[in-house]
Amino acid sequence: MTKRPLAYITAPWGENEYENTETAARYCRAVYDAGFSPVCPLLFLPLFLNDAIPQEHKDGIDIARDLLRRCRVLVVCGSSVDEPMKNDIAIAERLRITATTLDGLLTVKCQGREEGGSHE
């Protein structure tokens, strides 16, 4: 079995943590189905970091940036782009990490399949 490349997931997360978690899990599944290992800090950093504490908020940003640096691709999800996403895109560009949308990733994956078929 070939090793799956890491794909960092960024999206315009809202205020509702439960909605964010459900949405992030759907994005992760789609990225996984496309042949990547999804990396989504939103799904695990809040489990042990308190965003209301300034140092922990900063540490969370640092951890997320470190994870992004280790990824092969940045997957931009959602229908809009907010400031944190712009930062992720700028970092990826500076590090020469490919950035694509989830739709773009799935389109490429579908074109690579010999049998075609649906990915949804």
PDB file of N, CA and C in Angstrom:
ATOM      1  N   MET A   1       0.841  -1.191   0.000  1.00  0.00           N
ATOM      2  CA  MET A   1       0.000   0.000   0.000  1.00  0.00           C
ATOM      3  C   MET A   1       0.878   1.244   0.000  1.00  0.00           C
ATOM      4  N   THR A   2       0.503   2.213  -0.814  1.00  0.00           N
ATOM      5  CA  THR A   2       1.278   3.436  -0.865  1.00  0.00           C
ATOM      6  C   THR A   2       0.904   4.365   0.284  1.00  0.00           C
ATOM      7  N   LYS A   3       1.876   5.163   0.670  1.00  0.00           N
ATOM      8  CA  LYS A   3       1.663   6.106   1.764  1.00  0.00           C
ATOM      9  C   LYS A   3       0.819   7.281   1.263  1.00  0.00           C
ATOM     10  N   ARG A   4      -0.179   7.641   2.050  1.00  0.00           N
ATOM     11  CA  ARG A   4      -1.033   8.763   1.672  1.00  0.00           C
ATOM     12  C   ARG A   4      -0.337  10.082   2.005  1.00  0.00           C
ATOM     13  N   PRO A   5      -0.293  11.029   1.062  1.00  0.00           N
ATOM     14  CA  PRO A   5       0.281  12.337   1.385  1.00  0.00           C
ATOM     15  C   PRO A   5      -0.637  13.105   2.348  1.00  0.00           C
ATOM     16  N   LEU A   6      -0.027  13.934   3.191  1.00  0.00           N
ATOM     17  CA  LEU A   6      -0.796  14.736   4.143  1.00  0.00           C
ATOM     18  C   LEU A   6      -1.453  15.913   3.434  1.00  0.00           C
ATOM     19  N   ALA A   7      -2.711  16.161   3.766  1.00  0.00           N
ATOM     20  CA  ALA A   7      -3.462  17.284   3.202  1.00  0.00           C
ATOM     21  C   ALA A   7      -4.056  18.100   4.347  1.00  0.00           C
ATOM     22  N   TYR A   8      -3.651  19.365   4.443  1.00  0.00           N
ATOM     23  CA  TYR A   8      -4.109  20.264   5.500  1.00  0.00           C
ATOM     24  C   TYR A   8      -5.429  20.891   5.068  1.00  0.00           C
ATOM     25  N   ILE A   9      -6.420  20.860   5.952  1.00  0.00           N
ATOM     26  CA  ILE A   9      -7.744  21.374   5.627  1.00  0.00           C
ATOM     27  C   ILE A   9      -7.955  22.720   6.310  1.00  0.00           C
ATOM     28  N   THR A  10      -8.282  23.726   5.496  1.00  0.00           N
ATOM     29  CA  THR A  10      -8.630  25.045   6.016  1.00  0.00           C
ATOM     30  C   THR A  10     -10.025  25.400   5.517  1.00  0.00           C
ATOM     31  N   ALA A  11     -10.771  26.119   6.358  1.00  0.00           N
ATOM     32  CA  ALA A  11     -12.147  26.489   6.010  1.00  0.00           C
ATOM     33  C   ALA A  11     -12.561  27.678   6.870  1.00  0.00           C
ATOM     34  N   PRO A  12     -13.625  28.368   6.468  1.00  0.00           N
ATOM     35  CA  PRO A  12     -14.116  29.489   7.285  1.00  0.00           C
ATOM     36  C   PRO A  12     -14.969  28.956   8.442  1.00  0.00           C
ATOM     37  N   TRP A  13     -14.330  28.647   9.551  1.00  0.00           N
ATOM     38  CA  TRP A  13     -15.045  28.068  10.685  1.00  0.00           C
ATOM     39  C   TRP A  13     -15.910  29.127  11.347  1.00  0.00           C
ATOM     40  N   GLY A  14     -17.120  28.731  11.761  1.00  0.00           N
ATOM     41  CA  GLY A  14     -18.063  29.644  12.401  1.00  0.00           C
ATOM     42  C   GLY A  14     -17.949  29.597  13.913  1.00  0.00           C
ATOM     43  N   GLU A  15     -18.943  30.137  14.577  1.00  0.00           N
ATOM     44  CA  GLU A  15     -18.958  30.193  16.038  1.00  0.00           C
ATOM     45  C   GLU A  15     -19.447  28.890  16.678  1.00  0.00           C
ATOM     46  N   ASN A  16     -20.237  28.107  15.934  1.00  0.00           N
ATOM     47  CA  ASN A  16     -20.835  26.892  16.480  1.00  0.00           C
ATOM     48  C   ASN A  16     -19.846  25.725  16.390  1.00  0.00           C
ATOM     49  N   GLU A  17     -19.287  25.333  17.533  1.00  0.00           N
ATOM     50  CA  GLU A  17     -18.249  24.296  17.526  1.00  0.00           C
ATOM     51  C   GLU A  17     -18.773  22.936  17.046  1.00  0.00           C
ATOM     52  N   TYR A  18     -20.055  22.637  17.317  1.00  0.00           N
ATOM     53  CA  TYR A  18     -20.624  21.363  16.888  1.00  0.00           C
ATOM     54  C   TYR A  18     -20.775  21.329  15.366  1.00  0.00           C
ATOM     55  N   GLU A  19     -21.261  22.429  14.793  1.00  0.00           N
ATOM     56  CA  GLU A  19     -21.365  22.538  13.339  1.00  0.00           C
ATOM     57  C   GLU A  19     -19.985  22.434  12.706  1.00  0.00           C
ATOM     58  N   ASN A  20     -19.016  23.144  13.290  1.00  0.00           N
ATOM     59  CA  ASN A  20     -17.643  23.108  12.773  1.00  0.00           C
ATOM     60  C   ASN A  20     -17.106  21.688  12.759  1.00  0.00           C
ATOM     61  N   THR A  21     -17.334  20.959  13.845  1.00  0.00           N
ATOM     62  CA  THR A  21     -16.834  19.590  13.956  1.00  0.00           C
ATOM     63  C   THR A  21     -17.461  18.695  12.890  1.00  0.00           C
ATOM     64  N   GLU A  22     -18.769  18.813  12.708  1.00  0.00           N
ATOM     65  CA  GLU A  22     -19.454  18.006  11.691  1.00  0.00           C
ATOM     66  C   GLU A  22     -18.949  18.339  10.295  1.00  0.00           C
ATOM     67  N   THR A  23     -18.816  19.629  10.020  1.00  0.00           N
ATOM     68  CA  THR A  23     -18.339  20.072   8.707  1.00  0.00           C
ATOM     69  C   THR A  23     -16.906  19.606   8.477  1.00  0.00           C
ATOM     70  N   ALA A  24     -16.052  19.775   9.484  1.00  0.00           N
ATOM     71  CA  ALA A  24     -14.647  19.368   9.370  1.00  0.00           C
ATOM     72  C   ALA A  24     -14.548  17.865   9.125  1.00  0.00           C
ATOM     73  N   ALA A  25     -15.370  17.086   9.809  1.00  0.00           N
ATOM     74  CA  ALA A  25     -15.351  15.635   9.622  1.00  0.00           C
ATOM     75  C   ALA A  25     -15.753  15.273   8.191  1.00  0.00           C
ATOM     76  N   ARG A  26     -16.738  15.981   7.629  1.00  0.00           N
ATOM     77  CA  ARG A  26     -17.144  15.730   6.230  1.00  0.00           C
ATOM     78  C   ARG A  26     -15.994  16.068   5.273  1.00  0.00           C
ATOM     79  N   TYR A  27     -15.341  17.203   5.509  1.00  0.00           N
ATOM     80  CA  TYR A  27     -14.195  17.582   4.664  1.00  0.00           C
ATOM     81  C   TYR A  27     -13.090  16.534   4.771  1.00  0.00           C
ATOM     82  N   CYS A  28     -12.810  16.092   6.007  1.00  0.00           N
ATOM     83  CA  CYS A  28     -11.763  15.077   6.212  1.00  0.00           C
ATOM     84  C   CYS A  28     -12.096  13.794   5.462  1.00  0.00           C
ATOM     85  N   ARG A  29     -13.350  13.394   5.506  1.00  0.00           N
ATOM     86  CA  ARG A  29     -13.757  12.164   4.814  1.00  0.00           C
ATOM     87  C   ARG A  29     -13.555  12.292   3.310  1.00  0.00           C
ATOM     88  N   ALA A  30     -13.938  13.438   2.769  1.00  0.00           N
ATOM     89  CA  ALA A  30     -13.785  13.653   1.326  1.00  0.00           C
ATOM     90  C   ALA A  30     -12.310  13.645   0.933  1.00  0.00           C
ATOM     91  N   VAL A  31     -11.460  14.265   1.746  1.00  0.00           N
ATOM     92  CA  VAL A  31     -10.017  14.301   1.470  1.00  0.00           C
ATOM     93  C   VAL A  31      -9.435  12.893   1.593  1.00  0.00           C
ATOM     94  N   TYR A  32      -9.877  12.159   2.604  1.00  0.00           N
ATOM     95  CA  TYR A  32      -9.455  10.763   2.768  1.00  0.00           C
ATOM     96  C   TYR A  32      -9.860   9.931   1.542  1.00  0.00           C
ATOM     97  N   ASP A  33     -11.112  10.086   1.107  1.00  0.00           N
ATOM     98  CA  ASP A  33     -11.606   9.348  -0.059  1.00  0.00           C
ATOM     99  C   ASP A  33     -10.827   9.693  -1.325  1.00  0.00           C
ATOM    100  N   ALA A  34     -10.238  10.899  -1.363  1.00  0.00           N
ATOM    101  CA  ALA A  34      -9.445  11.330  -2.519  1.00  0.00           C
ATOM    102  C   ALA A  34      -8.017  10.787  -2.460  1.00  0.00           C
ATOM    103  N   GLY A  35      -7.691  10.035  -1.385  1.00  0.00           N
ATOM    104  CA  GLY A  35      -6.382   9.396  -1.321  1.00  0.00           C
ATOM    105  C   GLY A  35      -5.353  10.080  -0.442  1.00  0.00           C
ATOM    106  N   PHE A  36      -5.795  11.038   0.365  1.00  0.00           N
ATOM    107  CA  PHE A  36      -4.888  11.772   1.241  1.00  0.00           C
ATOM    108  C   PHE A  36      -5.155  11.449   2.704  1.00  0.00           C
ATOM    109  N   SER A  37      -4.186  11.762   3.557  1.00  0.00           N
ATOM    110  CA  SER A  37      -4.388  11.715   5.012  1.00  0.00           C
ATOM    111  C   SER A  37      -4.735  13.129   5.461  1.00  0.00           C
ATOM    112  N   PRO A  38      -5.981  13.356   5.875  1.00  0.00           N
ATOM    113  CA  PRO A  38      -6.392  14.706   6.242  1.00  0.00           C
ATOM    114  C   PRO A  38      -5.778  15.175   7.562  1.00  0.00           C
ATOM    115  N   VAL A  39      -5.401  16.450   7.589  1.00  0.00           N
ATOM    116  CA  VAL A  39      -4.892  17.103   8.796  1.00  0.00           C
ATOM    117  C   VAL A  39      -5.808  18.295   9.049  1.00  0.00           C
ATOM    118  N   CYS A  40      -6.548  18.255  10.160  1.00  0.00           N
ATOM    119  CA  CYS A  40      -7.494  19.320  10.475  1.00  0.00           C
ATOM    120  C   CYS A  40      -7.382  19.673  11.958  1.00  0.00           C
ATOM    121  N   PRO A  41      -6.535  20.661  12.291  1.00  0.00           N
ATOM    122  CA  PRO A  41      -6.314  21.031  13.693  1.00  0.00           C
ATOM    123  C   PRO A  41      -7.605  21.362  14.453  1.00  0.00           C
ATOM    124  N   LEU A  42      -8.604  21.885  13.757  1.00  0.00           N
ATOM    125  CA  LEU A  42      -9.864  22.230  14.418  1.00  0.00           C
ATOM    126  C   LEU A  42     -10.487  21.023  15.122  1.00  0.00           C
ATOM    127  N   LEU A  43     -10.235  19.830  14.612  1.00  0.00           N
ATOM    128  CA  LEU A  43     -10.847  18.635  15.186  1.00  0.00           C
ATOM    129  C   LEU A  43     -10.199  18.175  16.490  1.00  0.00           C
ATOM    130  N   PHE A  44      -8.939  18.558  16.731  1.00  0.00           N
ATOM    131  CA  PHE A  44      -8.312  18.045  17.957  1.00  0.00           C
ATOM    132  C   PHE A  44      -7.698  19.110  18.870  1.00  0.00           C
ATOM    133  N   LEU A  45      -7.264  20.241  18.354  1.00  0.00           N
ATOM    134  CA  LEU A  45      -6.653  21.246  19.234  1.00  0.00           C
ATOM    135  C   LEU A  45      -7.597  21.726  20.347  1.00  0.00           C
ATOM    136  N   PRO A  46      -8.888  21.947  20.047  1.00  0.00           N
ATOM    137  CA  PRO A  46      -9.794  22.397  21.113  1.00  0.00           C
ATOM    138  C   PRO A  46      -9.995  21.363  22.231  1.00  0.00           C
ATOM    139  N   LEU A  47      -9.585  20.123  21.998  1.00  0.00           N
ATOM    140  CA  LEU A  47      -9.734  19.095  23.026  1.00  0.00           C
ATOM    141  C   LEU A  47      -8.781  19.308  24.201  1.00  0.00           C
ATOM    142  N   PHE A  48      -7.660  20.011  23.939  1.00  0.00           N
ATOM    143  CA  PHE A  48      -6.708  20.218  25.031  1.00  0.00           C
ATOM    144  C   PHE A  48      -6.202  21.650  25.165  1.00  0.00           C
ATOM    145  N   LEU A  49      -6.529  22.528  24.225  1.00  0.00           N
ATOM    146  CA  LEU A  49      -6.128  23.928  24.331  1.00  0.00           C
ATOM    147  C   LEU A  49      -7.340  24.806  24.599  1.00  0.00           C
ATOM    148  N   ASN A  50      -7.175  25.804  25.455  1.00  0.00           N
ATOM    149  CA  ASN A  50      -8.243  26.760  25.755  1.00  0.00           C
ATOM    150  C   ASN A  50      -7.962  28.036  24.973  1.00  0.00           C
ATOM    151  N   ASP A  51      -8.755  28.257  23.933  1.00  0.00           N
ATOM    152  CA  ASP A  51      -8.562  29.402  23.044  1.00  0.00           C
ATOM    153  C   ASP A  51      -8.725  30.740  23.770  1.00  0.00           C
ATOM    154  N   ALA A  52      -9.404  30.742  24.907  1.00  0.00           N
ATOM    155  CA  ALA A  52      -9.616  31.982  25.665  1.00  0.00           C
ATOM    156  C   ALA A  52      -8.356  32.428  26.413  1.00  0.00           C
ATOM    157  N   ILE A  53      -7.397  31.523  26.555  1.00  0.00           N
ATOM    158  CA  ILE A  53      -6.127  31.862  27.210  1.00  0.00           C
ATOM    159  C   ILE A  53      -5.147  32.288  26.114  1.00  0.00           C
ATOM    160  N   PRO A  54      -4.694  33.554  26.154  1.00  0.00           N
ATOM    161  CA  PRO A  54      -3.859  34.078  25.059  1.00  0.00           C
ATOM    162  C   PRO A  54      -2.675  33.181  24.680  1.00  0.00           C
ATOM    163  N   GLN A  55      -1.947  32.655  25.641  1.00  0.00           N
ATOM    164  CA  GLN A  55      -0.783  31.819  25.313  1.00  0.00           C
ATOM    165  C   GLN A  55      -1.212  30.530  24.616  1.00  0.00           C
ATOM    166  N   GLU A  56      -2.318  29.941  25.066  1.00  0.00           N
ATOM    167  CA  GLU A  56      -2.795  28.711  24.438  1.00  0.00           C
ATOM    168  C   GLU A  56      -3.344  28.985  23.038  1.00  0.00           C
ATOM    169  N   HIS A  57      -3.962  30.142  22.850  1.00  0.00           N
ATOM    170  CA  HIS A  57      -4.431  30.546  21.524  1.00  0.00           C
ATOM    171  C   HIS A  57      -3.230  30.638  20.575  1.00  0.00           C
ATOM    172  N   LYS A  58      -2.170  31.309  21.018  1.00  0.00           N
ATOM    173  CA  LYS A  58      -0.946  31.454  20.218  1.00  0.00           C
ATOM    174  C   LYS A  58      -0.315  30.089  19.947  1.00  0.00           C
ATOM    175  N   ASP A  59      -0.257  29.241  20.977  1.00  0.00           N
ATOM    176  CA  ASP A  59       0.309  27.901  20.795  1.00  0.00           C
ATOM    177  C   ASP A  59      -0.490  27.103  19.761  1.00  0.00           C
ATOM    178  N   GLY A  60      -1.810  27.252  19.787  1.00  0.00           N
ATOM    179  CA  GLY A  60      -2.662  26.570  18.815  1.00  0.00           C
ATOM    180  C   GLY A  60      -2.347  27.008  17.397  1.00  0.00           C
ATOM    181  N   ILE A  61      -2.146  28.295  17.209  1.00  0.00           N
ATOM    182  CA  ILE A  61      -1.779  28.814  15.888  1.00  0.00           C
ATOM    183  C   ILE A  61      -0.425  28.244  15.468  1.00  0.00           C
ATOM    184  N   ASP A  62       0.531  28.228  16.397  1.00  0.00           N
ATOM    185  CA  ASP A  62       1.872  27.703  16.097  1.00  0.00           C
ATOM    186  C   ASP A  62       1.824  26.214  15.734  1.00  0.00           C
ATOM    187  N   ILE A  63       1.046  25.443  16.484  1.00  0.00           N
ATOM    188  CA  ILE A  63       0.915  24.003  16.205  1.00  0.00           C
ATOM    189  C   ILE A  63       0.306  23.799  14.816  1.00  0.00           C
ATOM    190  N   ALA A  64      -0.764  24.559  14.516  1.00  0.00           N
ATOM    191  CA  ALA A  64      -1.427  24.438  13.213  1.00  0.00           C
ATOM    192  C   ALA A  64      -0.466  24.790  12.082  1.00  0.00           C
ATOM    193  N   ARG A  65       0.324  25.848  12.261  1.00  0.00           N
ATOM    194  CA  ARG A  65       1.295  26.259  11.227  1.00  0.00           C
ATOM    195  C   ARG A  65       2.352  25.167  11.015  1.00  0.00           C
ATOM    196  N   ASP A  66       2.794  24.565  12.115  1.00  0.00           N
ATOM    197  CA  ASP A  66       3.784  23.492  12.005  1.00  0.00           C
ATOM    198  C   ASP A  66       3.205  22.307  11.228  1.00  0.00           C
ATOM    199  N   LEU A  67       1.949  21.977  11.501  1.00  0.00           N
ATOM    200  CA  LEU A  67       1.297  20.882  10.772  1.00  0.00           C
ATOM    201  C   LEU A  67       1.168  21.216   9.291  1.00  0.00           C
ATOM    202  N   LEU A  68       0.809  22.461   8.989  1.00  0.00           N
ATOM    203  CA  LEU A  68       0.690  22.876   7.589  1.00  0.00           C
ATOM    204  C   LEU A  68       2.026  22.697   6.866  1.00  0.00           C
ATOM    205  N   ARG A  69       3.111  23.077   7.518  1.00  0.00           N
ATOM    206  CA  ARG A  69       4.447  22.954   6.903  1.00  0.00           C
ATOM    207  C   ARG A  69       4.778  21.514   6.518  1.00  0.00           C
ATOM    208  N   ARG A  70       4.208  20.552   7.220  1.00  0.00           N
ATOM    209  CA  ARG A  70       4.506  19.142   6.972  1.00  0.00           C
ATOM    210  C   ARG A  70       3.628  18.524   5.881  1.00  0.00           C
ATOM    211  N   CYS A  71       2.633  19.272   5.420  1.00  0.00           N
ATOM    212  CA  CYS A  71       1.670  18.734   4.457  1.00  0.00           C
ATOM    213  C   CYS A  71       2.113  18.953   3.020  1.00  0.00           C
ATOM    214  N   ARG A  72       1.644  18.069   2.155  1.00  0.00           N
ATOM    215  CA  ARG A  72       1.946  18.150   0.727  1.00  0.00           C
ATOM    216  C   ARG A  72       1.002  19.108   0.020  1.00  0.00           C
ATOM    217  N   VAL A  73      -0.229  19.229   0.550  1.00  0.00           N
ATOM    218  CA  VAL A  73      -1.235  20.052  -0.123  1.00  0.00           C
ATOM    219  C   VAL A  73      -2.100  20.767   0.921  1.00  0.00           C
ATOM    220  N   LEU A  74      -2.541  21.970   0.572  1.00  0.00           N
ATOM    221  CA  LEU A  74      -3.494  22.735   1.376  1.00  0.00           C
ATOM    222  C   LEU A  74      -4.832  22.646   0.660  1.00  0.00           C
ATOM    223  N   VAL A  75      -5.855  22.174   1.351  1.00  0.00           N
ATOM    224  CA  VAL A  75      -7.178  22.043   0.754  1.00  0.00           C
ATOM    225  C   VAL A  75      -8.078  23.133   1.332  1.00  0.00           C
ATOM    226  N   VAL A  76      -8.495  24.047   0.470  1.00  0.00           N
ATOM    227  CA  VAL A  76      -9.333  25.181   0.860  1.00  0.00           C
ATOM    228  C   VAL A  76     -10.791  24.759   0.686  1.00  0.00           C
ATOM    229  N   CYS A  77     -11.508  24.694   1.805  1.00  0.00           N
ATOM    230  CA  CYS A  77     -12.891  24.214   1.799  1.00  0.00           C
ATOM    231  C   CYS A  77     -13.848  25.364   2.113  1.00  0.00           C
ATOM    232  N   GLY A  78     -15.100  25.175   1.747  1.00  0.00           N
ATOM    233  CA  GLY A  78     -16.123  26.171   2.047  1.00  0.00           C
ATOM    234  C   GLY A  78     -16.336  27.129   0.888  1.00  0.00           C
ATOM    235  N   SER A  79     -17.333  28.012   1.056  1.00  0.00           N
ATOM    236  CA  SER A  79     -17.725  28.890  -0.051  1.00  0.00           C
ATOM    237  C   SER A  79     -17.159  30.302   0.079  1.00  0.00           C
ATOM    238  N   SER A  80     -16.426  30.577   1.162  1.00  0.00           N
ATOM    239  CA  SER A  80     -15.820  31.904   1.328  1.00  0.00           C
ATOM    240  C   SER A  80     -14.427  31.738   1.921  1.00  0.00           C
ATOM    241  N   VAL A  81     -13.673  32.825   1.905  1.00  0.00           N
ATOM    242  CA  VAL A  81     -12.312  32.796   2.450  1.00  0.00           C
ATOM    243  C   VAL A  81     -12.197  33.885   3.511  1.00  0.00           C
ATOM    244  N   ASP A  82     -11.869  33.473   4.746  1.00  0.00           N
ATOM    245  CA  ASP A  82     -11.711  34.456   5.824  1.00  0.00           C
ATOM    246  C   ASP A  82     -10.225  34.726   6.068  1.00  0.00           C
ATOM    247  N   GLU A  83      -9.943  35.582   7.031  1.00  0.00           N
ATOM    248  CA  GLU A  83      -8.563  36.005   7.297  1.00  0.00           C
ATOM    249  C   GLU A  83      -7.629  34.845   7.673  1.00  0.00           C
ATOM    250  N   PRO A  84      -8.023  33.958   8.609  1.00  0.00           N
ATOM    251  CA  PRO A  84      -7.139  32.822   8.919  1.00  0.00           C
ATOM    252  C   PRO A  84      -6.848  31.954   7.691  1.00  0.00           C
ATOM    253  N   MET A  85      -7.824  31.799   6.815  1.00  0.00           N
ATOM    254  CA  MET A  85      -7.605  31.015   5.590  1.00  0.00           C
ATOM    255  C   MET A  85      -6.617  31.717   4.674  1.00  0.00           C
ATOM    256  N   LYS A  86      -6.733  33.044   4.572  1.00  0.00           N
ATOM    257  CA  LYS A  86      -5.785  33.810   3.753  1.00  0.00           C
ATOM    258  C   LYS A  86      -4.366  33.607   4.276  1.00  0.00           C
ATOM    259  N   ASN A  87      -4.217  33.566   5.595  1.00  0.00           N
ATOM    260  CA  ASN A  87      -2.904  33.316   6.193  1.00  0.00           C
ATOM    261  C   ASN A  87      -2.396  31.923   5.821  1.00  0.00           C
ATOM    262  N   ASP A  88      -3.268  30.918   5.910  1.00  0.00           N
ATOM    263  CA  ASP A  88      -2.881  29.551   5.528  1.00  0.00           C
ATOM    264  C   ASP A  88      -2.430  29.505   4.071  1.00  0.00           C
ATOM    265  N   ILE A  89      -3.176  30.174   3.204  1.00  0.00           N
ATOM    266  CA  ILE A  89      -2.851  30.186   1.773  1.00  0.00           C
ATOM    267  C   ILE A  89      -1.508  30.872   1.544  1.00  0.00           C
ATOM    268  N   ALA A  90      -1.265  31.987   2.237  1.00  0.00           N
ATOM    269  CA  ALA A  90       0.006  32.717   2.094  1.00  0.00           C
ATOM    270  C   ALA A  90       1.185  31.864   2.568  1.00  0.00           C
ATOM    271  N   ILE A  91       1.009  31.158   3.677  1.00  0.00           N
ATOM    272  CA  ILE A  91       2.077  30.286   4.191  1.00  0.00           C
ATOM    273  C   ILE A  91       2.351  29.161   3.194  1.00  0.00           C
ATOM    274  N   ALA A  92       1.292  28.548   2.701  1.00  0.00           N
ATOM    275  CA  ALA A  92       1.453  27.465   1.729  1.00  0.00           C
ATOM    276  C   ALA A  92       2.190  27.973   0.488  1.00  0.00           C
ATOM    277  N   GLU A  93       1.816  29.156   0.019  1.00  0.00           N
ATOM    278  CA  GLU A  93       2.470  29.728  -1.159  1.00  0.00           C
ATOM    279  C   GLU A  93       3.955  29.961  -0.891  1.00  0.00           C
ATOM    280  N   ARG A  94       4.265  30.537   0.265  1.00  0.00           N
ATOM    281  CA  ARG A  94       5.662  30.819   0.630  1.00  0.00           C
ATOM    282  C   ARG A  94       6.484  29.530   0.710  1.00  0.00           C
ATOM    283  N   LEU A  95       5.867  28.451   1.195  1.00  0.00           N
ATOM    284  CA  LEU A  95       6.564  27.176   1.350  1.00  0.00           C
ATOM    285  C   LEU A  95       6.451  26.287   0.104  1.00  0.00           C
ATOM    286  N   ARG A  96       5.839  26.820  -0.929  1.00  0.00           N
ATOM    287  CA  ARG A  96       5.628  26.076  -2.182  1.00  0.00           C
ATOM    288  C   ARG A  96       4.815  24.797  -1.968  1.00  0.00           C
ATOM    289  N   ILE A  97       3.813  24.904  -1.113  1.00  0.00           N
ATOM    290  CA  ILE A  97       2.872  23.802  -0.894  1.00  0.00           C
ATOM    291  C   ILE A  97       1.684  24.048  -1.819  1.00  0.00           C
ATOM    292  N   THR A  98       1.312  23.044  -2.574  1.00  0.00           N
ATOM    293  CA  THR A  98       0.187  23.183  -3.498  1.00  0.00           C
ATOM    294  C   THR A  98      -1.086  23.502  -2.738  1.00  0.00           C
ATOM    295  N   ALA A  99      -1.821  24.499  -3.222  1.00  0.00           N
ATOM    296  CA  ALA A  99      -3.123  24.837  -2.635  1.00  0.00           C
ATOM    297  C   ALA A  99      -4.192  24.560  -3.685  1.00  0.00           C
ATOM    298  N   THR A 100      -5.260  23.924  -3.255  1.00  0.00           N
ATOM    299  CA  THR A 100      -6.373  23.632  -4.153  1.00  0.00           C
ATOM    300  C   THR A 100      -7.661  23.687  -3.348  1.00  0.00           C
ATOM    301  N   THR A 101      -8.760  23.676  -4.039  1.00  0.00           N
ATOM    302  CA  THR A 101     -10.056  23.591  -3.361  1.00  0.00           C
ATOM    303  C   THR A 101     -10.418  22.120  -3.199  1.00  0.00           C
ATOM    304  N   LEU A 102     -11.378  21.853  -2.352  1.00  0.00           N
ATOM    305  CA  LEU A 102     -11.854  20.478  -2.206  1.00  0.00           C
ATOM    306  C   LEU A 102     -12.422  19.986  -3.530  1.00  0.00           C
ATOM    307  N   ASP A 103     -13.186  20.824  -4.219  1.00  0.00           N
ATOM    308  CA  ASP A 103     -13.731  20.439  -5.527  1.00  0.00           C
ATOM    309  C   ASP A 103     -12.609  20.121  -6.507  1.00  0.00           C
ATOM    310  N   GLY A 104     -11.551  20.928  -6.478  1.00  0.00           N
ATOM    311  CA  GLY A 104     -10.417  20.694  -7.372  1.00  0.00           C
ATOM    312  C   GLY A 104      -9.736  19.372  -7.071  1.00  0.00           C
ATOM    313  N   LEU A 105      -9.568  19.079  -5.801  1.00  0.00           N
ATOM    314  CA  LEU A 105      -8.944  17.826  -5.385  1.00  0.00           C
ATOM    315  C   LEU A 105      -9.781  16.635  -5.840  1.00  0.00           C
ATOM    316  N   LEU A 106     -11.090  16.729  -5.668  1.00  0.00           N
ATOM    317  CA  LEU A 106     -11.981  15.633  -6.047  1.00  0.00           C
ATOM    318  C   LEU A 106     -12.050  15.468  -7.564  1.00  0.00           C
ATOM    319  N   THR A 107     -11.979  16.578  -8.299  1.00  0.00           N
ATOM    320  CA  THR A 107     -11.995  16.524  -9.765  1.00  0.00           C
ATOM    321  C   THR A 107     -10.766  15.791 -10.266  1.00  0.00           C
ATOM    322  N   VAL A 108      -9.593  16.142  -9.718  1.00  0.00           N
ATOM    323  CA  VAL A 108      -8.351  15.481 -10.114  1.00  0.00           C
ATOM    324  C   VAL A 108      -8.428  13.993  -9.794  1.00  0.00           C
ATOM    325  N   LYS A 109      -8.943  13.658  -8.610  1.00  0.00           N
ATOM    326  CA  LYS A 109      -9.053  12.260  -8.205  1.00  0.00           C
ATOM    327  C   LYS A 109      -9.960  11.491  -9.164  1.00  0.00           C
ATOM    328  N   CYS A 110     -11.083  12.093  -9.527  1.00  0.00           N
ATOM    329  CA  CYS A 110     -12.023  11.425 -10.444  1.00  0.00           C
ATOM    330  C   CYS A 110     -11.395  11.209 -11.808  1.00  0.00           C
ATOM    331  N   GLN A 111     -10.634  12.181 -12.299  1.00  0.00           N
ATOM    332  CA  GLN A 111     -10.001  12.045 -13.605  1.00  0.00           C
ATOM    333  C   GLN A 111      -8.957  10.939 -13.589  1.00  0.00           C
ATOM    334  N   GLY A 112      -8.411  10.664 -12.409  1.00  0.00           N
ATOM    335  CA  GLY A 112      -7.404   9.621 -12.288  1.00  0.00           C
ATOM    336  C   GLY A 112      -7.978   8.222 -12.189  1.00  0.00           C
ATOM    337  N   ARG A 113      -9.250   8.121 -11.975  1.00  0.00           N
ATOM    338  CA  ARG A 113      -9.890   6.799 -11.866  1.00  0.00           C
ATOM    339  C   ARG A 113     -10.208   6.248 -13.230  1.00  0.00           C
ATOM    340  N   GLU A 114      -9.865   4.994 -13.424  1.00  0.00           N
ATOM    341  CA  GLU A 114     -10.141   4.378 -14.719  1.00  0.00           C
ATOM    342  C   GLU A 114     -11.613   4.059 -14.869  1.00  0.00           C
ATOM    343  N   GLU A 115     -12.241   3.671 -13.763  1.00  0.00           N
ATOM    344  CA  GLU A 115     -13.633   3.253 -13.868  1.00  0.00           C
ATOM    345  C   GLU A 115     -14.608   4.418 -13.752  1.00  0.00           C
ATOM    346  N   GLY A 116     -14.105   5.609 -13.413  1.00  0.00           N
ATOM    347  CA  GLY A 116     -15.000   6.756 -13.228  1.00  0.00           C
ATOM    348  C   GLY A 116     -15.795   6.570 -11.964  1.00  0.00           C
ATOM    349  N   GLY A 117     -17.046   6.936 -11.978  1.00  0.00           N
ATOM    350  CA  GLY A 117     -17.896   6.726 -10.803  1.00  0.00           C
ATOM    351  C   GLY A 117     -18.009   7.968  -9.960  1.00  0.00           C
ATOM    352  N   SER A 118     -18.906   7.915  -9.024  1.00  0.00           N
ATOM    353  CA  SER A 118     -19.177   9.065  -8.166  1.00  0.00           C
ATOM    354  C   SER A 118     -18.278   9.047  -6.947  1.00  0.00           C
ATOM    355  N   HIS A 119     -17.950  10.234  -6.439  1.00  0.00           N
ATOM    356  CA  HIS A 119     -17.132  10.356  -5.240  1.00  0.00           C
ATOM    357  C   HIS A 119     -17.922  10.917  -4.080  1.00  0.00           C
ATOM    358  N   GLU A 120     -19.207  11.103  -4.278  1.00  0.00           N
ATOM    359  CA  GLU A 120     -19.995  11.735  -3.222  1.00  0.00           C
ATOM    360  C   GLU A 120     -20.688  10.750  -2.341  1.00  0.00           C
TER     361      GLU A 120
END
